[in-house]
Amino acid sequence: MDPTLLEVSRDYFRTISENKYGYDFTWLGRPIIQIPQDIMAMQEIIWNIKPDLIIETGIAHGGSLIFSASMLELIGEEGIVIGIDIDIRPHNREAIEKHPMYKRIVLLEGDSTSQEIVDKVIQMAQGCRRILVSLDSNHTHQHVLRELELYSPLVTLGSYCVVFDTAIEDLPKGSFPDRPWDKGNNPKTAVWEFLKENTKFQIDKKIEEKILLTVAPDGYLKRIN
């Protein structure tokens, strides 16, 4: 990777982040709150892995759930998406439940790290052959680390646990004044700590080098054993 190109892409990312670039896009009618490059990367992962279960923490407006469900619909097998959020707003729930892709979606409301929610997910994962996990809820270090500890064991060999918003670590301190996460306390620091003890996953740097712009640097974790 040309270091100059990488540095230019990081500078550009910092600029577009300040202008909330990721809020500009929808997927099949629902706000997805992701940038196109990460959407493309996830499309490639889902098509290549062909998961029969995708687990997503963090729902927001439901765009990512609709995206994953639509990919599973294209694959054509019996795959489903489990979406977990501590607070599913009524208007978002209504819009998701009215969407044609809802037939492949299961909504769980509650803390993604609570034993009740984890037990439900484990039960639904029984018998699934290829499982993909996406973490995009509370972005504090401790919460993401706990999610990694709880959900990474469900990821099947060759599949991914994708940790979004690791880019918080690369933005100026104080970029999120109304949030508990910041530089030094975010998904990337959680990933780094997780990988110190867990040898079953490695960062797939090829994805970041290919798409250049990503909210998930060091966040595409591939299960290798």
C-alpha atoms as a PDB file:
ATOM      1  CA  MET A   1       0.000   0.000   0.000  1.00  0.00           C
ATOM      2  CA  ASP A   2       1.341   3.402  -1.020  1.00  0.00           C
ATOM      3  CA  PRO A   3       1.770   5.265   2.309  1.00  0.00           C
ATOM      4  CA  THR A   4       0.978   8.577   0.622  1.00  0.00           C
ATOM      5  CA  LEU A   5      -2.333   7.240  -0.680  1.00  0.00           C
ATOM      6  CA  LEU A   6      -3.183   5.852   2.747  1.00  0.00           C
ATOM      7  CA  GLU A   7      -2.427   9.169   4.442  1.00  0.00           C
ATOM      8  CA  VAL A   8      -4.494  11.109   1.894  1.00  0.00           C
ATOM      9  CA  SER A   9      -7.421   8.747   2.432  1.00  0.00           C
ATOM     10  CA  ARG A  10      -7.191   9.179   6.210  1.00  0.00           C
ATOM     11  CA  ASP A  11      -7.114  12.971   5.898  1.00  0.00           C
ATOM     12  CA  TYR A  12     -10.109  12.831   3.582  1.00  0.00           C
ATOM     13  CA  PHE A  13     -11.945  10.546   5.995  1.00  0.00           C
ATOM     14  CA  ARG A  14     -11.397  12.956   8.877  1.00  0.00           C
ATOM     15  CA  THR A  15     -12.833  15.772   6.766  1.00  0.00           C
ATOM     16  CA  ILE A  16     -15.939  13.911   5.643  1.00  0.00           C
ATOM     17  CA  SER A  17     -16.528  12.664   9.194  1.00  0.00           C
ATOM     18  CA  GLU A  18     -16.779  16.246  10.397  1.00  0.00           C
ATOM     19  CA  ASN A  19     -19.582  16.742   7.871  1.00  0.00           C
ATOM     20  CA  LYS A  20     -21.473  13.547   8.823  1.00  0.00           C
ATOM     21  CA  TYR A  21     -20.949  11.996   5.388  1.00  0.00           C
ATOM     22  CA  GLY A  22     -22.145   8.609   6.629  1.00  0.00           C
ATOM     23  CA  TYR A  23     -25.616   9.995   7.295  1.00  0.00           C
ATOM     24  CA  ASP A  24     -26.252  10.756   3.625  1.00  0.00           C
ATOM     25  CA  PHE A  25     -27.190   7.261   2.439  1.00  0.00           C
ATOM     26  CA  THR A  26     -30.123   4.866   2.558  1.00  0.00           C
ATOM     27  CA  TRP A  27     -30.521   1.200   1.671  1.00  0.00           C
ATOM     28  CA  LEU A  28     -33.837   0.221   0.113  1.00  0.00           C
ATOM     29  CA  GLY A  29     -35.477   3.202   1.758  1.00  0.00           C
ATOM     30  CA  ARG A  30     -33.960   3.071   5.256  1.00  0.00           C
ATOM     31  CA  PRO A  31     -31.080   5.249   6.537  1.00  0.00           C
ATOM     32  CA  ILE A  32     -28.027   2.992   6.798  1.00  0.00           C
ATOM     33  CA  ILE A  33     -25.565   5.353   8.558  1.00  0.00           C
ATOM     34  CA  GLN A  34     -22.565   3.797   6.817  1.00  0.00           C
ATOM     35  CA  ILE A  35     -20.259   4.998   4.070  1.00  0.00           C
ATOM     36  CA  PRO A  36     -20.450   3.373   0.614  1.00  0.00           C
ATOM     37  CA  GLN A  37     -17.006   1.777   0.857  1.00  0.00           C
ATOM     38  CA  ASP A  38     -17.933  -0.212   3.971  1.00  0.00           C
ATOM     39  CA  ILE A  39     -21.267  -1.174   2.426  1.00  0.00           C
ATOM     40  CA  MET A  40     -19.383  -2.556  -0.574  1.00  0.00           C
ATOM     41  CA  ALA A  41     -16.964  -4.437   1.679  1.00  0.00           C
ATOM     42  CA  MET A  42     -19.842  -5.999   3.611  1.00  0.00           C
ATOM     43  CA  GLN A  43     -21.531  -6.962   0.352  1.00  0.00           C
ATOM     44  CA  GLU A  44     -18.414  -8.847  -0.707  1.00  0.00           C
ATOM     45  CA  ILE A  45     -18.078 -10.554   2.671  1.00  0.00           C
ATOM     46  CA  ILE A  46     -21.711 -11.656   2.785  1.00  0.00           C
ATOM     47  CA  TRP A  47     -21.660 -12.919  -0.792  1.00  0.00           C
ATOM     48  CA  ASN A  48     -18.439 -14.863  -0.245  1.00  0.00           C
ATOM     49  CA  ILE A  49     -19.349 -16.321   3.153  1.00  0.00           C
ATOM     50  CA  LYS A  50     -23.041 -16.869   2.382  1.00  0.00           C
ATOM     51  CA  PRO A  51     -23.988 -16.883   6.065  1.00  0.00           C
ATOM     52  CA  ASP A  52     -27.186 -18.487   7.251  1.00  0.00           C
ATOM     53  CA  LEU A  53     -27.119 -16.204  10.296  1.00  0.00           C
ATOM     54  CA  ILE A  54     -25.987 -12.597  10.661  1.00  0.00           C
ATOM     55  CA  ILE A  55     -25.936 -11.090  14.153  1.00  0.00           C
ATOM     56  CA  GLU A  56     -25.960  -7.290  14.365  1.00  0.00           C
ATOM     57  CA  THR A  57     -25.730  -5.190  17.518  1.00  0.00           C
ATOM     58  CA  GLY A  58     -27.046  -1.674  17.015  1.00  0.00           C
ATOM     59  CA  ILE A  59     -30.133  -1.062  14.881  1.00  0.00           C
ATOM     60  CA  ALA A  60     -30.744   2.719  14.693  1.00  0.00           C
ATOM     61  CA  HIS A  61     -33.022   3.257  11.660  1.00  0.00           C
ATOM     62  CA  GLY A  62     -32.636  -0.321  10.445  1.00  0.00           C
ATOM     63  CA  GLY A  63     -30.764   0.319   7.203  1.00  0.00           C
ATOM     64  CA  SER A  64     -27.992  -2.135   7.984  1.00  0.00           C
ATOM     65  CA  LEU A  65     -30.510  -4.829   8.911  1.00  0.00           C
ATOM     66  CA  ILE A  66     -32.370  -4.264   5.648  1.00  0.00           C
ATOM     67  CA  PHE A  67     -29.060  -4.396   3.756  1.00  0.00           C
ATOM     68  CA  SER A  68     -28.063  -7.710   5.343  1.00  0.00           C
ATOM     69  CA  ALA A  69     -31.522  -9.181   4.854  1.00  0.00           C
ATOM     70  CA  SER A  70     -31.559  -8.149   1.190  1.00  0.00           C
ATOM     71  CA  MET A  71     -28.173  -9.788   0.652  1.00  0.00           C
ATOM     72  CA  LEU A  72     -29.461 -13.006   2.210  1.00  0.00           C
ATOM     73  CA  GLU A  73     -32.518 -12.780  -0.031  1.00  0.00           C
ATOM     74  CA  LEU A  74     -30.236 -12.579  -3.082  1.00  0.00           C
ATOM     75  CA  ILE A  75     -28.215 -15.552  -1.871  1.00  0.00           C
ATOM     76  CA  GLY A  76     -31.503 -17.407  -1.792  1.00  0.00           C
ATOM     77  CA  GLU A  77     -31.050 -19.697   1.192  1.00  0.00           C
ATOM     78  CA  GLU A  78     -32.879 -19.643   4.521  1.00  0.00           C
ATOM     79  CA  GLY A  79     -30.648 -17.078   6.227  1.00  0.00           C
ATOM     80  CA  ILE A  80     -31.863 -14.605   8.840  1.00  0.00           C
ATOM     81  CA  VAL A  81     -30.541 -11.469  10.529  1.00  0.00           C
ATOM     82  CA  ILE A  82     -30.820 -10.903  14.272  1.00  0.00           C
ATOM     83  CA  GLY A  83     -30.842  -7.207  15.154  1.00  0.00           C
ATOM     84  CA  ILE A  84     -30.171  -6.205  18.768  1.00  0.00           C
ATOM     85  CA  ASP A  85     -30.643  -2.750  20.278  1.00  0.00           C
ATOM     86  CA  ILE A  86     -31.150  -1.514  23.813  1.00  0.00           C
ATOM     87  CA  ASP A  87     -33.848   0.888  22.583  1.00  0.00           C
ATOM     88  CA  ILE A  88     -35.726   0.237  19.348  1.00  0.00           C
ATOM     89  CA  ARG A  89     -37.666   3.426  18.731  1.00  0.00           C
ATOM     90  CA  PRO A  90     -41.330   2.730  17.857  1.00  0.00           C
ATOM     91  CA  HIS A  91     -41.188   4.567  14.506  1.00  0.00           C
ATOM     92  CA  ASN A  92     -38.075   2.625  13.502  1.00  0.00           C
ATOM     93  CA  ARG A  93     -39.605  -0.686  14.549  1.00  0.00           C
ATOM     94  CA  GLU A  94     -42.736   0.109  12.562  1.00  0.00           C
ATOM     95  CA  ALA A  95     -40.730   0.979   9.433  1.00  0.00           C
ATOM     96  CA  ILE A  96     -38.609  -2.169   9.709  1.00  0.00           C
ATOM     97  CA  GLU A  97     -41.616  -4.419  10.295  1.00  0.00           C
ATOM     98  CA  LYS A  98     -43.384  -2.952   7.244  1.00  0.00           C
ATOM     99  CA  HIS A  99     -40.374  -3.507   4.976  1.00  0.00           C
ATOM    100  CA  PRO A 100     -40.449  -6.417   2.478  1.00  0.00           C
ATOM    101  CA  MET A 101     -37.138  -7.693   3.898  1.00  0.00           C
ATOM    102  CA  TYR A 102     -38.538  -8.005   7.419  1.00  0.00           C
ATOM    103  CA  LYS A 103     -39.320 -11.635   6.638  1.00  0.00           C
ATOM    104  CA  ARG A 104     -35.612 -12.338   7.226  1.00  0.00           C
ATOM    105  CA  ILE A 105     -35.212 -10.190  10.348  1.00  0.00           C
ATOM    106  CA  VAL A 106     -35.578 -10.921  14.063  1.00  0.00           C
ATOM    107  CA  LEU A 107     -35.578  -7.901  16.395  1.00  0.00           C
ATOM    108  CA  LEU A 108     -34.345  -8.227  19.983  1.00  0.00           C
ATOM    109  CA  GLU A 109     -34.674  -5.265  22.335  1.00  0.00           C
ATOM    110  CA  GLY A 110     -32.272  -5.178  25.263  1.00  0.00           C
ATOM    111  CA  ASP A 111     -28.637  -4.799  26.255  1.00  0.00           C
ATOM    112  CA  SER A 112     -26.519  -6.799  23.804  1.00  0.00           C
ATOM    113  CA  THR A 113     -24.251  -7.866  26.680  1.00  0.00           C
ATOM    114  CA  SER A 114     -27.054  -9.055  28.973  1.00  0.00           C
ATOM    115  CA  GLN A 115     -27.283 -12.772  29.633  1.00  0.00           C
ATOM    116  CA  GLU A 116     -30.941 -12.807  28.577  1.00  0.00           C
ATOM    117  CA  ILE A 117     -30.159 -11.449  25.107  1.00  0.00           C
ATOM    118  CA  VAL A 118     -27.028 -13.562  24.672  1.00  0.00           C
ATOM    119  CA  ASP A 119     -28.932 -16.727  25.601  1.00  0.00           C
ATOM    120  CA  LYS A 120     -31.612 -15.947  23.001  1.00  0.00           C
ATOM    121  CA  VAL A 121     -28.980 -15.405  20.304  1.00  0.00           C
ATOM    122  CA  ILE A 122     -27.130 -18.609  21.197  1.00  0.00           C
ATOM    123  CA  GLN A 123     -30.403 -20.520  21.008  1.00  0.00           C
ATOM    124  CA  MET A 124     -31.189 -19.110  17.544  1.00  0.00           C
ATOM    125  CA  ALA A 125     -27.641 -19.856  16.394  1.00  0.00           C
ATOM    126  CA  GLN A 126     -28.017 -23.558  17.083  1.00  0.00           C
ATOM    127  CA  GLY A 127     -27.613 -25.526  13.864  1.00  0.00           C
ATOM    128  CA  CYS A 128     -26.361 -22.568  11.816  1.00  0.00           C
ATOM    129  CA  ARG A 129     -23.361 -23.449   9.656  1.00  0.00           C
ATOM    130  CA  ARG A 130     -21.975 -20.029   8.712  1.00  0.00           C
ATOM    131  CA  ILE A 131     -22.312 -17.104  11.113  1.00  0.00           C
ATOM    132  CA  LEU A 132     -21.263 -13.480  10.608  1.00  0.00           C
ATOM    133  CA  VAL A 133     -21.244 -10.888  13.413  1.00  0.00           C
ATOM    134  CA  SER A 134     -21.420  -7.081  13.155  1.00  0.00           C
ATOM    135  CA  LEU A 135     -20.876  -4.915  16.251  1.00  0.00           C
ATOM    136  CA  ASP A 136     -22.178  -1.344  16.018  1.00  0.00           C
ATOM    137  CA  SER A 137     -23.940  -0.363  19.236  1.00  0.00           C
ATOM    138  CA  ASN A 138     -22.444   1.380  22.280  1.00  0.00           C
ATOM    139  CA  HIS A 139     -18.922   2.371  21.193  1.00  0.00           C
ATOM    140  CA  THR A 140     -17.170   2.468  24.577  1.00  0.00           C
ATOM    141  CA  HIS A 141     -14.116   0.274  25.093  1.00  0.00           C
ATOM    142  CA  GLN A 142     -15.639  -1.887  27.817  1.00  0.00           C
ATOM    143  CA  HIS A 143     -18.934  -2.460  26.022  1.00  0.00           C
ATOM    144  CA  VAL A 144     -17.330  -3.432  22.713  1.00  0.00           C
ATOM    145  CA  LEU A 145     -14.782  -5.645  24.457  1.00  0.00           C
ATOM    146  CA  ARG A 146     -17.600  -7.442  26.251  1.00  0.00           C
ATOM    147  CA  GLU A 147     -19.512  -7.857  22.974  1.00  0.00           C
ATOM    148  CA  LEU A 148     -16.384  -9.333  21.400  1.00  0.00           C
ATOM    149  CA  GLU A 149     -16.016 -11.783  24.272  1.00  0.00           C
ATOM    150  CA  LEU A 150     -19.671 -12.834  24.041  1.00  0.00           C
ATOM    151  CA  TYR A 151     -20.307 -12.946  20.294  1.00  0.00           C
ATOM    152  CA  SER A 152     -16.955 -13.808  18.702  1.00  0.00           C
ATOM    153  CA  PRO A 153     -17.245 -17.496  19.724  1.00  0.00           C
ATOM    154  CA  LEU A 154     -20.320 -17.722  17.472  1.00  0.00           C
ATOM    155  CA  VAL A 155     -18.371 -16.646  14.368  1.00  0.00           C
ATOM    156  CA  THR A 156     -17.601 -19.645  12.194  1.00  0.00           C
ATOM    157  CA  LEU A 157     -14.201 -20.429  10.705  1.00  0.00           C
ATOM    158  CA  GLY A 158     -13.450 -18.202   7.708  1.00  0.00           C
ATOM    159  CA  SER A 159     -16.203 -15.735   8.573  1.00  0.00           C
ATOM    160  CA  TYR A 160     -15.901 -12.314  10.187  1.00  0.00           C
ATOM    161  CA  CYS A 161     -16.666 -10.293  13.264  1.00  0.00           C
ATOM    162  CA  VAL A 162     -16.823  -6.733  11.949  1.00  0.00           C
ATOM    163  CA  VAL A 163     -16.356  -4.009  14.554  1.00  0.00           C
ATOM    164  CA  PHE A 164     -17.626  -0.667  13.290  1.00  0.00           C
ATOM    165  CA  ASP A 165     -16.551   2.844  14.293  1.00  0.00           C
ATOM    166  CA  THR A 166     -13.012   1.879  15.246  1.00  0.00           C
ATOM    167  CA  ALA A 167     -12.149   5.102  13.386  1.00  0.00           C
ATOM    168  CA  ILE A 168     -13.079   7.028  16.536  1.00  0.00           C
ATOM    169  CA  GLU A 169      -9.515   6.351  17.699  1.00  0.00           C
ATOM    170  CA  ASP A 170      -8.146   8.143  14.625  1.00  0.00           C
ATOM    171  CA  LEU A 171     -10.234  11.304  15.014  1.00  0.00           C
ATOM    172  CA  PRO A 172      -9.230  14.305  17.156  1.00  0.00           C
ATOM    173  CA  LYS A 173      -9.909  13.987  20.869  1.00  0.00           C
ATOM    174  CA  GLY A 174     -13.213  15.595  21.769  1.00  0.00           C
ATOM    175  CA  SER A 175     -14.882  14.818  18.435  1.00  0.00           C
ATOM    176  CA  PHE A 176     -17.881  13.342  20.284  1.00  0.00           C
ATOM    177  CA  PRO A 177     -18.545  15.766  23.174  1.00  0.00           C
ATOM    178  CA  ASP A 178     -22.021  14.386  23.868  1.00  0.00           C
ATOM    179  CA  ARG A 179     -20.935  10.729  23.903  1.00  0.00           C
ATOM    180  CA  PRO A 180     -19.033   8.589  26.437  1.00  0.00           C
ATOM    181  CA  TRP A 181     -16.558   7.334  23.812  1.00  0.00           C
ATOM    182  CA  ASP A 182     -13.496   9.210  22.604  1.00  0.00           C
ATOM    183  CA  LYS A 183      -9.880   8.730  21.608  1.00  0.00           C
ATOM    184  CA  GLY A 184      -8.484   6.064  23.960  1.00  0.00           C
ATOM    185  CA  ASN A 185     -11.938   4.667  24.791  1.00  0.00           C
ATOM    186  CA  ASN A 186     -13.588   3.211  21.706  1.00  0.00           C
ATOM    187  CA  PRO A 187     -14.060   0.121  19.526  1.00  0.00           C
ATOM    188  CA  LYS A 188     -10.481   0.141  18.202  1.00  0.00           C
ATOM    189  CA  THR A 189      -8.949   0.083  21.668  1.00  0.00           C
ATOM    190  CA  ALA A 190     -11.324  -2.791  22.467  1.00  0.00           C
ATOM    191  CA  VAL A 191     -10.199  -4.683  19.351  1.00  0.00           C
ATOM    192  CA  TRP A 192      -6.551  -4.211  20.250  1.00  0.00           C
ATOM    193  CA  GLU A 193      -7.111  -5.548  23.769  1.00  0.00           C
ATOM    194  CA  PHE A 194      -9.246  -8.437  22.517  1.00  0.00           C
ATOM    195  CA  LEU A 195      -6.578  -9.564  20.053  1.00  0.00           C
ATOM    196  CA  LYS A 196      -3.887  -9.627  22.741  1.00  0.00           C
ATOM    197  CA  GLU A 197      -5.522 -12.735  24.212  1.00  0.00           C
ATOM    198  CA  ASN A 198      -7.515 -14.167  21.302  1.00  0.00           C
ATOM    199  CA  THR A 199      -5.560 -15.952  18.567  1.00  0.00           C
ATOM    200  CA  LYS A 200      -8.617 -17.161  16.664  1.00  0.00           C
ATOM    201  CA  PHE A 201      -9.012 -13.837  14.861  1.00  0.00           C
ATOM    202  CA  GLN A 202      -6.777 -11.552  12.868  1.00  0.00           C
ATOM    203  CA  ILE A 203      -7.323  -8.143  11.291  1.00  0.00           C
ATOM    204  CA  ASP A 204      -7.966  -8.476   7.556  1.00  0.00           C
ATOM    205  CA  LYS A 205      -5.882  -5.530   6.406  1.00  0.00           C
ATOM    206  CA  LYS A 206      -6.546  -6.321   2.745  1.00  0.00           C
ATOM    207  CA  ILE A 207     -10.080  -4.990   3.066  1.00  0.00           C
ATOM    208  CA  GLU A 208      -8.980  -1.643   4.478  1.00  0.00           C
ATOM    209  CA  GLU A 209      -6.218  -1.340   1.868  1.00  0.00           C
ATOM    210  CA  LYS A 210      -8.727  -1.998  -0.899  1.00  0.00           C
ATOM    211  CA  ILE A 211     -11.562   0.301   0.116  1.00  0.00           C
ATOM    212  CA  LEU A 212      -9.267   3.035   1.570  1.00  0.00           C
ATOM    213  CA  LEU A 213     -12.137   4.880   3.263  1.00  0.00           C
ATOM    214  CA  THR A 214     -13.650   3.001   6.204  1.00  0.00           C
ATOM    215  CA  VAL A 215     -15.239   3.635   9.572  1.00  0.00           C
ATOM    216  CA  ALA A 216     -13.764   0.291  10.657  1.00  0.00           C
ATOM    217  CA  PRO A 217      -9.944   0.417  10.405  1.00  0.00           C
ATOM    218  CA  ASP A 218      -8.589  -2.654  12.246  1.00  0.00           C
ATOM    219  CA  GLY A 219     -12.227  -3.695  12.581  1.00  0.00           C
ATOM    220  CA  TYR A 220     -12.573  -6.409   9.938  1.00  0.00           C
ATOM    221  CA  LEU A 221     -11.698  -9.417  12.082  1.00  0.00           C
ATOM    222  CA  LYS A 222     -11.478 -12.747  10.274  1.00  0.00           C
ATOM    223  CA  ARG A 223     -11.686 -16.027  12.146  1.00  0.00           C
ATOM    224  CA  ILE A 224      -8.643 -18.074  11.159  1.00  0.00           C
ATOM    225  CA  ASN A 225      -8.788 -21.056  13.539  1.00  0.00           C
END
